[in-house]
Amino acid sequence: MIKNLIVLASLIFLLSACSNETKKEEWTSWVYPDKSNTKRSMKNGVYKSLEECKQASINKIEELDLSKKASYKCGLNCTYHENMKTDVCKKIAK
């Protein structure tokens, strides 16, 4: 009986440890050269933090000399969805 309780407690501990595993944050940058046309975008890399993503996006817009016309967004932990033919993100920020 005690042996079963120890095995059960160990199993619960292991399963809860696996389910609490946190995925590292990855922020994907997209730059929109014409902010009025959000269907046209360019992927601008993946970054470790939202701040890095924002800064890289702004730098790219300035590099393209599109500060007045362009926009950007950063997506958290994005993955490509085959059926929708697009990237799906946990969160979008600007």
PDB file of N, CA and C in Angstrom:
ATOM      1  N   MET A   1       0.822  -1.195   0.000  1.00  0.00           N
ATOM      2  CA  MET A   1       0.000   0.000   0.000  1.00  0.00           C
ATOM      3  C   MET A   1       0.868   1.263   0.000  1.00  0.00           C
ATOM      4  N   ILE A   2       1.838   1.318   0.898  1.00  0.00           N
ATOM      5  CA  ILE A   2       2.714   2.485   0.966  1.00  0.00           C
ATOM      6  C   ILE A   2       3.539   2.593  -0.308  1.00  0.00           C
ATOM      7  N   LYS A   3       3.964   1.438  -0.810  1.00  0.00           N
ATOM      8  CA  LYS A   3       4.745   1.435  -2.055  1.00  0.00           C
ATOM      9  C   LYS A   3       3.924   2.033  -3.199  1.00  0.00           C
ATOM     10  N   ASN A   4       2.637   1.687  -3.269  1.00  0.00           N
ATOM     11  CA  ASN A   4       1.755   2.227  -4.309  1.00  0.00           C
ATOM     12  C   ASN A   4       1.594   3.742  -4.176  1.00  0.00           C
ATOM     13  N   LEU A   5       1.478   4.220  -2.941  1.00  0.00           N
ATOM     14  CA  LEU A   5       1.349   5.661  -2.711  1.00  0.00           C
ATOM     15  C   LEU A   5       2.611   6.407  -3.142  1.00  0.00           C
ATOM     16  N   ILE A   6       3.763   5.823  -2.850  1.00  0.00           N
ATOM     17  CA  ILE A   6       5.031   6.450  -3.242  1.00  0.00           C
ATOM     18  C   ILE A   6       5.146   6.504  -4.762  1.00  0.00           C
ATOM     19  N   VAL A   7       4.784   5.411  -5.426  1.00  0.00           N
ATOM     20  CA  VAL A   7       4.831   5.379  -6.894  1.00  0.00           C
ATOM     21  C   VAL A   7       3.859   6.399  -7.472  1.00  0.00           C
ATOM     22  N   LEU A   8       2.645   6.462  -6.915  1.00  0.00           N
ATOM     23  CA  LEU A   8       1.639   7.406  -7.392  1.00  0.00           C
ATOM     24  C   LEU A   8       2.098   8.852  -7.188  1.00  0.00           C
ATOM     25  N   ALA A   9       2.648   9.149  -6.017  1.00  0.00           N
ATOM     26  CA  ALA A   9       3.135  10.501  -5.737  1.00  0.00           C
ATOM     27  C   ALA A   9       4.272  10.876  -6.681  1.00  0.00           C
ATOM     28  N   SER A  10       5.162   9.934  -6.944  1.00  0.00           N
ATOM     29  CA  SER A  10       6.273  10.194  -7.874  1.00  0.00           C
ATOM     30  C   SER A  10       5.762  10.459  -9.281  1.00  0.00           C
ATOM     31  N   LEU A  11       4.788   9.681  -9.703  1.00  0.00           N
ATOM     32  CA  LEU A  11       4.212   9.853 -11.033  1.00  0.00           C
ATOM     33  C   LEU A  11       3.532  11.214 -11.166  1.00  0.00           C
ATOM     34  N   ILE A  12       2.772  11.603 -10.168  1.00  0.00           N
ATOM     35  CA  ILE A  12       2.107  12.914 -10.185  1.00  0.00           C
ATOM     36  C   ILE A  12       3.144  14.030 -10.229  1.00  0.00           C
ATOM     37  N   PHE A  13       4.197  13.893  -9.446  1.00  0.00           N
ATOM     38  CA  PHE A  13       5.256  14.904  -9.441  1.00  0.00           C
ATOM     39  C   PHE A  13       5.901  15.035 -10.818  1.00  0.00           C
ATOM     40  N   LEU A  14       6.227  13.909 -11.440  1.00  0.00           N
ATOM     41  CA  LEU A  14       6.860  13.933 -12.762  1.00  0.00           C
ATOM     42  C   LEU A  14       5.943  14.537 -13.816  1.00  0.00           C
ATOM     43  N   LEU A  15       4.679  14.172 -13.793  1.00  0.00           N
ATOM     44  CA  LEU A  15       3.740  14.707 -14.777  1.00  0.00           C
ATOM     45  C   LEU A  15       3.510  16.200 -14.590  1.00  0.00           C
ATOM     46  N   SER A  16       3.425  16.643 -13.349  1.00  0.00           N
ATOM     47  CA  SER A  16       3.215  18.072 -13.119  1.00  0.00           C
ATOM     48  C   SER A  16       4.456  18.872 -13.507  1.00  0.00           C
ATOM     49  N   ALA A  17       5.626  18.314 -13.335  1.00  0.00           N
ATOM     50  CA  ALA A  17       6.860  19.000 -13.736  1.00  0.00           C
ATOM     51  C   ALA A  17       6.912  19.155 -15.242  1.00  0.00           C
ATOM     52  N   CYS A  18       6.470  18.148 -15.969  1.00  0.00           N
ATOM     53  CA  CYS A  18       6.469  18.218 -17.437  1.00  0.00           C
ATOM     54  C   CYS A  18       5.459  19.227 -17.944  1.00  0.00           C
ATOM     55  N   SER A  19       4.295  19.299 -17.317  1.00  0.00           N
ATOM     56  CA  SER A  19       3.256  20.205 -17.802  1.00  0.00           C
ATOM     57  C   SER A  19       3.561  21.660 -17.469  1.00  0.00           C
ATOM     58  N   ASN A  20       4.396  21.907 -16.477  1.00  0.00           N
ATOM     59  CA  ASN A  20       4.748  23.272 -16.107  1.00  0.00           C
ATOM     60  C   ASN A  20       5.964  23.793 -16.852  1.00  0.00           C
ATOM     61  N   GLU A  21       6.493  22.993 -17.756  1.00  0.00           N
ATOM     62  CA  GLU A  21       7.668  23.411 -18.520  1.00  0.00           C
ATOM     63  C   GLU A  21       7.309  24.658 -19.325  1.00  0.00           C
ATOM     64  N   THR A  22       8.075  25.705 -19.145  1.00  0.00           N
ATOM     65  CA  THR A  22       7.774  26.944 -19.853  1.00  0.00           C
ATOM     66  C   THR A  22       8.573  27.008 -21.141  1.00  0.00           C
ATOM     67  N   LYS A  23       7.899  27.399 -22.184  1.00  0.00           N
ATOM     68  CA  LYS A  23       8.556  27.547 -23.472  1.00  0.00           C
ATOM     69  C   LYS A  23       9.258  28.898 -23.490  1.00  0.00           C
ATOM     70  N   LYS A  24      10.444  28.918 -24.038  1.00  0.00           N
ATOM     71  CA  LYS A  24      11.157  30.188 -24.100  1.00  0.00           C
ATOM     72  C   LYS A  24      10.423  31.128 -25.055  1.00  0.00           C
ATOM     73  N   GLU A  25      10.548  32.397 -24.779  1.00  0.00           N
ATOM     74  CA  GLU A  25       9.904  33.396 -25.629  1.00  0.00           C
ATOM     75  C   GLU A  25      10.715  33.627 -26.888  1.00  0.00           C
ATOM     76  N   GLU A  26      10.019  33.644 -28.004  1.00  0.00           N
ATOM     77  CA  GLU A  26      10.607  34.022 -29.285  1.00  0.00           C
ATOM     78  C   GLU A  26       9.652  35.011 -29.938  1.00  0.00           C
ATOM     79  N   TRP A  27      10.169  36.178 -30.281  1.00  0.00           N
ATOM     80  CA  TRP A  27       9.361  37.225 -30.892  1.00  0.00           C
ATOM     81  C   TRP A  27       9.751  37.371 -32.355  1.00  0.00           C
ATOM     82  N   THR A  28       8.777  37.239 -33.240  1.00  0.00           N
ATOM     83  CA  THR A  28       8.998  37.358 -34.677  1.00  0.00           C
ATOM     84  C   THR A  28       8.586  38.752 -35.130  1.00  0.00           C
ATOM     85  N   SER A  29       9.440  39.379 -35.913  1.00  0.00           N
ATOM     86  CA  SER A  29       9.184  40.728 -36.425  1.00  0.00           C
ATOM     87  C   SER A  29       8.651  40.665 -37.854  1.00  0.00           C
ATOM     88  N   TRP A  30       7.585  41.418 -38.104  1.00  0.00           N
ATOM     89  CA  TRP A  30       7.089  41.634 -39.467  1.00  0.00           C
ATOM     90  C   TRP A  30       7.044  43.125 -39.714  1.00  0.00           C
ATOM     91  N   VAL A  31       7.551  43.527 -40.864  1.00  0.00           N
ATOM     92  CA  VAL A  31       7.534  44.934 -41.265  1.00  0.00           C
ATOM     93  C   VAL A  31       6.568  45.073 -42.433  1.00  0.00           C
ATOM     94  N   TYR A  32       5.718  46.079 -42.354  1.00  0.00           N
ATOM     95  CA  TYR A  32       4.764  46.395 -43.418  1.00  0.00           C
ATOM     96  C   TYR A  32       5.240  47.675 -44.102  1.00  0.00           C
ATOM     97  N   PRO A  33       5.836  47.565 -45.292  1.00  0.00           N
ATOM     98  CA  PRO A  33       6.356  48.756 -45.979  1.00  0.00           C
ATOM     99  C   PRO A  33       5.289  49.826 -46.223  1.00  0.00           C
ATOM    100  N   ASP A  34       4.049  49.394 -46.421  1.00  0.00           N
ATOM    101  CA  ASP A  34       2.930  50.326 -46.586  1.00  0.00           C
ATOM    102  C   ASP A  34       1.889  49.967 -45.534  1.00  0.00           C
ATOM    103  N   LYS A  35       1.789  50.783 -44.480  1.00  0.00           N
ATOM    104  CA  LYS A  35       0.909  50.432 -43.363  1.00  0.00           C
ATOM    105  C   LYS A  35      -0.562  50.350 -43.751  1.00  0.00           C
ATOM    106  N   SER A  36      -0.930  50.905 -44.905  1.00  0.00           N
ATOM    107  CA  SER A  36      -2.320  50.800 -45.352  1.00  0.00           C
ATOM    108  C   SER A  36      -2.588  49.483 -46.083  1.00  0.00           C
ATOM    109  N   ASN A  37      -1.533  48.704 -46.348  1.00  0.00           N
ATOM    110  CA  ASN A  37      -1.674  47.417 -47.029  1.00  0.00           C
ATOM    111  C   ASN A  37      -1.026  46.325 -46.173  1.00  0.00           C
ATOM    112  N   THR A  38      -1.794  45.789 -45.229  1.00  0.00           N
ATOM    113  CA  THR A  38      -1.236  44.797 -44.304  1.00  0.00           C
ATOM    114  C   THR A  38      -1.112  43.405 -44.926  1.00  0.00           C
ATOM    115  N   LYS A  39      -1.571  43.237 -46.154  1.00  0.00           N
ATOM    116  CA  LYS A  39      -1.394  41.944 -46.828  1.00  0.00           C
ATOM    117  C   LYS A  39       0.033  41.789 -47.338  1.00  0.00           C
ATOM    118  N   ARG A  40       0.740  42.891 -47.453  1.00  0.00           N
ATOM    119  CA  ARG A  40       2.123  42.863 -47.935  1.00  0.00           C
ATOM    120  C   ARG A  40       3.056  43.131 -46.753  1.00  0.00           C
ATOM    121  N   SER A  41       3.805  42.096 -46.388  1.00  0.00           N
ATOM    122  CA  SER A  41       4.718  42.241 -45.249  1.00  0.00           C
ATOM    123  C   SER A  41       6.012  41.498 -45.539  1.00  0.00           C
ATOM    124  N   MET A  42       7.012  41.793 -44.726  1.00  0.00           N
ATOM    125  CA  MET A  42       8.274  41.063 -44.831  1.00  0.00           C
ATOM    126  C   MET A  42       8.695  40.628 -43.432  1.00  0.00           C
ATOM    127  N   LYS A  43       9.057  39.363 -43.323  1.00  0.00           N
ATOM    128  CA  LYS A  43       9.527  38.830 -42.051  1.00  0.00           C
ATOM    129  C   LYS A  43      10.922  39.386 -41.802  1.00  0.00           C
ATOM    130  N   ASN A  44      11.141  39.840 -40.569  1.00  0.00           N
ATOM    131  CA  ASN A  44      12.380  40.540 -40.261  1.00  0.00           C
ATOM    132  C   ASN A  44      13.175  39.868 -39.142  1.00  0.00           C
ATOM    133  N   GLY A  45      13.013  38.574 -38.963  1.00  0.00           N
ATOM    134  CA  GLY A  45      13.818  37.867 -37.972  1.00  0.00           C
ATOM    135  C   GLY A  45      13.067  37.487 -36.714  1.00  0.00           C
ATOM    136  N   VAL A  46      13.743  36.694 -35.883  1.00  0.00           N
ATOM    137  CA  VAL A  46      13.192  36.210 -34.616  1.00  0.00           C
ATOM    138  C   VAL A  46      14.119  36.685 -33.500  1.00  0.00           C
ATOM    139  N   TYR A  47      13.529  37.174 -32.401  1.00  0.00           N
ATOM    140  CA  TYR A  47      14.293  37.807 -31.325  1.00  0.00           C
ATOM    141  C   TYR A  47      13.913  37.227 -29.966  1.00  0.00           C
ATOM    142  N   LYS A  48      14.787  37.418 -28.997  1.00  0.00           N
ATOM    143  CA  LYS A  48      14.612  36.833 -27.667  1.00  0.00           C
ATOM    144  C   LYS A  48      13.637  37.607 -26.787  1.00  0.00           C
ATOM    145  N   SER A  49      13.398  38.871 -27.105  1.00  0.00           N
ATOM    146  CA  SER A  49      12.495  39.669 -26.279  1.00  0.00           C
ATOM    147  C   SER A  49      11.665  40.598 -27.157  1.00  0.00           C
ATOM    148  N   LEU A  50      10.571  41.077 -26.590  1.00  0.00           N
ATOM    149  CA  LEU A  50       9.711  42.014 -27.313  1.00  0.00           C
ATOM    150  C   LEU A  50      10.467  43.301 -27.626  1.00  0.00           C
ATOM    151  N   GLU A  51      11.255  43.770 -26.681  1.00  0.00           N
ATOM    152  CA  GLU A  51      12.014  45.007 -26.909  1.00  0.00           C
ATOM    153  C   GLU A  51      12.999  44.860 -28.065  1.00  0.00           C
ATOM    154  N   GLU A  52      13.696  43.718 -28.136  1.00  0.00           N
ATOM    155  CA  GLU A  52      14.621  43.480 -29.259  1.00  0.00           C
ATOM    156  C   GLU A  52      13.861  43.458 -30.575  1.00  0.00           C
ATOM    157  N   CYS A  53      12.702  42.828 -30.580  1.00  0.00           N
ATOM    158  CA  CYS A  53      11.883  42.740 -31.789  1.00  0.00           C
ATOM    159  C   CYS A  53      11.438  44.132 -32.242  1.00  0.00           C
ATOM    160  N   LYS A  54      10.949  44.927 -31.298  1.00  0.00           N
ATOM    161  CA  LYS A  54      10.514  46.290 -31.631  1.00  0.00           C
ATOM    162  C   LYS A  54      11.664  47.099 -32.216  1.00  0.00           C
ATOM    163  N   GLN A  55      12.818  47.047 -31.554  1.00  0.00           N
ATOM    164  CA  GLN A  55      13.958  47.843 -32.012  1.00  0.00           C
ATOM    165  C   GLN A  55      14.429  47.394 -33.388  1.00  0.00           C
ATOM    166  N   ALA A  56      14.470  46.092 -33.624  1.00  0.00           N
ATOM    167  CA  ALA A  56      14.878  45.578 -34.939  1.00  0.00           C
ATOM    168  C   ALA A  56      13.890  46.010 -36.021  1.00  0.00           C
ATOM    169  N   SER A  57      12.616  46.018 -35.691  1.00  0.00           N
ATOM    170  CA  SER A  57      11.588  46.445 -36.644  1.00  0.00           C
ATOM    171  C   SER A  57      11.755  47.921 -36.994  1.00  0.00           C
ATOM    172  N   ILE A  58      11.949  48.736 -35.985  1.00  0.00           N
ATOM    173  CA  ILE A  58      12.141  50.175 -36.199  1.00  0.00           C
ATOM    174  C   ILE A  58      13.409  50.425 -37.009  1.00  0.00           C
ATOM    175  N   ASN A  59      14.477  49.707 -36.678  1.00  0.00           N
ATOM    176  CA  ASN A  59      15.735  49.860 -37.425  1.00  0.00           C
ATOM    177  C   ASN A  59      15.553  49.506 -38.896  1.00  0.00           C
ATOM    178  N   LYS A  60      14.810  48.432 -39.169  1.00  0.00           N
ATOM    179  CA  LYS A  60      14.580  48.015 -40.556  1.00  0.00           C
ATOM    180  C   LYS A  60      13.774  49.068 -41.309  1.00  0.00           C
ATOM    181  N   ILE A  61      12.766  49.616 -40.667  1.00  0.00           N
ATOM    182  CA  ILE A  61      11.946  50.658 -41.296  1.00  0.00           C
ATOM    183  C   ILE A  61      12.802  51.877 -41.611  1.00  0.00           C
ATOM    184  N   GLU A  62      13.665  52.265 -40.687  1.00  0.00           N
ATOM    185  CA  GLU A  62      14.557  53.405 -40.929  1.00  0.00           C
ATOM    186  C   GLU A  62      15.560  53.093 -42.032  1.00  0.00           C
ATOM    187  N   GLU A  63      16.071  51.855 -42.049  1.00  0.00           N
ATOM    188  CA  GLU A  63      17.020  51.432 -43.081  1.00  0.00           C
ATOM    189  C   GLU A  63      16.385  51.516 -44.473  1.00  0.00           C
ATOM    190  N   LEU A  64      15.106  51.196 -44.557  1.00  0.00           N
ATOM    191  CA  LEU A  64      14.383  51.260 -45.832  1.00  0.00           C
ATOM    192  C   LEU A  64      13.887  52.671 -46.152  1.00  0.00           C
ATOM    193  N   ASP A  65      14.137  53.610 -45.248  1.00  0.00           N
ATOM    194  CA  ASP A  65      13.703  55.004 -45.390  1.00  0.00           C
ATOM    195  C   ASP A  65      12.183  55.092 -45.574  1.00  0.00           C
ATOM    196  N   LEU A  66      11.470  54.352 -44.709  1.00  0.00           N
ATOM    197  CA  LEU A  66      10.010  54.310 -44.789  1.00  0.00           C
ATOM    198  C   LEU A  66       9.351  54.718 -43.469  1.00  0.00           C
ATOM    199  N   SER A  67      10.007  55.572 -42.711  1.00  0.00           N
ATOM    200  CA  SER A  67       9.522  55.929 -41.380  1.00  0.00           C
ATOM    201  C   SER A  67       8.099  56.477 -41.372  1.00  0.00           C
ATOM    202  N   LYS A  68       7.706  57.166 -42.428  1.00  0.00           N
ATOM    203  CA  LYS A  68       6.368  57.769 -42.466  1.00  0.00           C
ATOM    204  C   LYS A  68       5.319  56.843 -43.064  1.00  0.00           C
ATOM    205  N   LYS A  69       5.747  55.854 -43.825  1.00  0.00           N
ATOM    206  CA  LYS A  69       4.800  54.984 -44.528  1.00  0.00           C
ATOM    207  C   LYS A  69       4.633  53.604 -43.911  1.00  0.00           C
ATOM    208  N   ALA A  70       5.649  53.125 -43.224  1.00  0.00           N
ATOM    209  CA  ALA A  70       5.676  51.720 -42.796  1.00  0.00           C
ATOM    210  C   ALA A  70       5.139  51.523 -41.380  1.00  0.00           C
ATOM    211  N   SER A  71       4.893  50.259 -41.079  1.00  0.00           N
ATOM    212  CA  SER A  71       4.474  49.847 -39.750  1.00  0.00           C
ATOM    213  C   SER A  71       5.116  48.484 -39.456  1.00  0.00           C
ATOM    214  N   TYR A  72       4.908  47.978 -38.256  1.00  0.00           N
ATOM    215  CA  TYR A  72       5.459  46.672 -37.899  1.00  0.00           C
ATOM    216  C   TYR A  72       4.587  46.013 -36.841  1.00  0.00           C
ATOM    217  N   LYS A  73       4.825  44.736 -36.621  1.00  0.00           N
ATOM    218  CA  LYS A  73       4.239  44.025 -35.488  1.00  0.00           C
ATOM    219  C   LYS A  73       5.221  42.948 -35.051  1.00  0.00           C
ATOM    220  N   CYS A  74       5.100  42.547 -33.797  1.00  0.00           N
ATOM    221  CA  CYS A  74       5.914  41.476 -33.239  1.00  0.00           C
ATOM    222  C   CYS A  74       4.977  40.400 -32.699  1.00  0.00           C
ATOM    223  N   GLY A  75       5.265  39.147 -33.036  1.00  0.00           N
ATOM    224  CA  GLY A  75       4.428  38.038 -32.602  1.00  0.00           C
ATOM    225  C   GLY A  75       5.187  37.102 -31.677  1.00  0.00           C
ATOM    226  N   LEU A  76       4.517  36.653 -30.625  1.00  0.00           N
ATOM    227  CA  LEU A  76       5.123  35.778 -29.624  1.00  0.00           C
ATOM    228  C   LEU A  76       4.926  34.310 -29.993  1.00  0.00           C
ATOM    229  N   ASN A  77       6.034  33.555 -30.009  1.00  0.00           N
ATOM    230  CA  ASN A  77       6.027  32.104 -30.242  1.00  0.00           C
ATOM    231  C   ASN A  77       5.145  31.712 -31.429  1.00  0.00           C
ATOM    232  N   CYS A  78       5.466  32.247 -32.576  1.00  0.00           N
ATOM    233  CA  CYS A  78       4.689  32.009 -33.796  1.00  0.00           C
ATOM    234  C   CYS A  78       5.084  30.682 -34.443  1.00  0.00           C
ATOM    235  N   THR A  79       4.093  30.018 -35.003  1.00  0.00           N
ATOM    236  CA  THR A  79       4.326  28.795 -35.766  1.00  0.00           C
ATOM    237  C   THR A  79       3.513  28.874 -37.046  1.00  0.00           C
ATOM    238  N   TYR A  80       4.013  28.222 -38.080  1.00  0.00           N
ATOM    239  CA  TYR A  80       3.318  28.231 -39.362  1.00  0.00           C
ATOM    240  C   TYR A  80       2.173  27.226 -39.318  1.00  0.00           C
ATOM    241  N   HIS A  81       0.980  27.681 -39.679  1.00  0.00           N
ATOM    242  CA  HIS A  81      -0.204  26.822 -39.715  1.00  0.00           C
ATOM    243  C   HIS A  81      -0.447  26.415 -41.159  1.00  0.00           C
ATOM    244  N   GLU A  82      -0.245  25.139 -41.446  1.00  0.00           N
ATOM    245  CA  GLU A  82      -0.296  24.637 -42.824  1.00  0.00           C
ATOM    246  C   GLU A  82      -1.651  24.866 -43.485  1.00  0.00           C
ATOM    247  N   ASN A  83      -2.747  24.584 -42.791  1.00  0.00           N
ATOM    248  CA  ASN A  83      -4.075  24.737 -43.396  1.00  0.00           C
ATOM    249  C   ASN A  83      -4.426  26.191 -43.683  1.00  0.00           C
ATOM    250  N   MET A  84      -4.020  27.095 -42.797  1.00  0.00           N
ATOM    251  CA  MET A  84      -4.327  28.512 -42.986  1.00  0.00           C
ATOM    252  C   MET A  84      -3.288  29.218 -43.846  1.00  0.00           C
ATOM    253  N   LYS A  85      -2.153  28.560 -44.089  1.00  0.00           N
ATOM    254  CA  LYS A  85      -1.063  29.126 -44.899  1.00  0.00           C
ATOM    255  C   LYS A  85      -0.572  30.466 -44.342  1.00  0.00           C
ATOM    256  N   THR A  86      -0.443  30.528 -43.033  1.00  0.00           N
ATOM    257  CA  THR A  86       0.035  31.743 -42.376  1.00  0.00           C
ATOM    258  C   THR A  86       0.652  31.394 -41.024  1.00  0.00           C
ATOM    259  N   ASP A  87       1.370  32.349 -40.457  1.00  0.00           N
ATOM    260  CA  ASP A  87       1.916  32.176 -39.114  1.00  0.00           C
ATOM    261  C   ASP A  87       0.832  32.499 -38.089  1.00  0.00           C
ATOM    262  N   VAL A  88       0.780  31.706 -37.034  1.00  0.00           N
ATOM    263  CA  VAL A  88      -0.153  31.922 -35.938  1.00  0.00           C
ATOM    264  C   VAL A  88       0.683  32.148 -34.687  1.00  0.00           C
ATOM    265  N   CYS A  89       0.374  33.223 -33.961  1.00  0.00           N
ATOM    266  CA  CYS A  89       1.167  33.610 -32.790  1.00  0.00           C
ATOM    267  C   CYS A  89       0.317  33.561 -31.525  1.00  0.00           C
ATOM    268  N   LYS A  90       0.970  33.343 -30.399  1.00  0.00           N
ATOM    269  CA  LYS A  90       0.281  33.350 -29.105  1.00  0.00           C
ATOM    270  C   LYS A  90      -0.198  34.755 -28.756  1.00  0.00           C
ATOM    271  N   LYS A  91       0.565  35.761 -29.193  1.00  0.00           N
ATOM    272  CA  LYS A  91       0.254  37.149 -28.858  1.00  0.00           C
ATOM    273  C   LYS A  91       0.886  38.042 -29.913  1.00  0.00           C
ATOM    274  N   ILE A  92       0.231  39.158 -30.215  1.00  0.00           N
ATOM    275  CA  ILE A  92       0.763  40.147 -31.155  1.00  0.00           C
ATOM    276  C   ILE A  92       0.933  41.468 -30.399  1.00  0.00           C
ATOM    277  N   ALA A  93       2.050  42.129 -30.615  1.00  0.00           N
ATOM    278  CA  ALA A  93       2.310  43.412 -29.954  1.00  0.00           C
ATOM    279  C   ALA A  93       2.971  44.364 -30.935  1.00  0.00           C
ATOM    280  N   LYS A  94       2.883  45.641 -30.616  1.00  0.00           N
ATOM    281  CA  LYS A  94       3.556  46.655 -31.419  1.00  0.00           C
ATOM    282  C   LYS A  94       4.375  47.531 -30.522  1.00  0.00           C
TER     283      LYS A  94
END
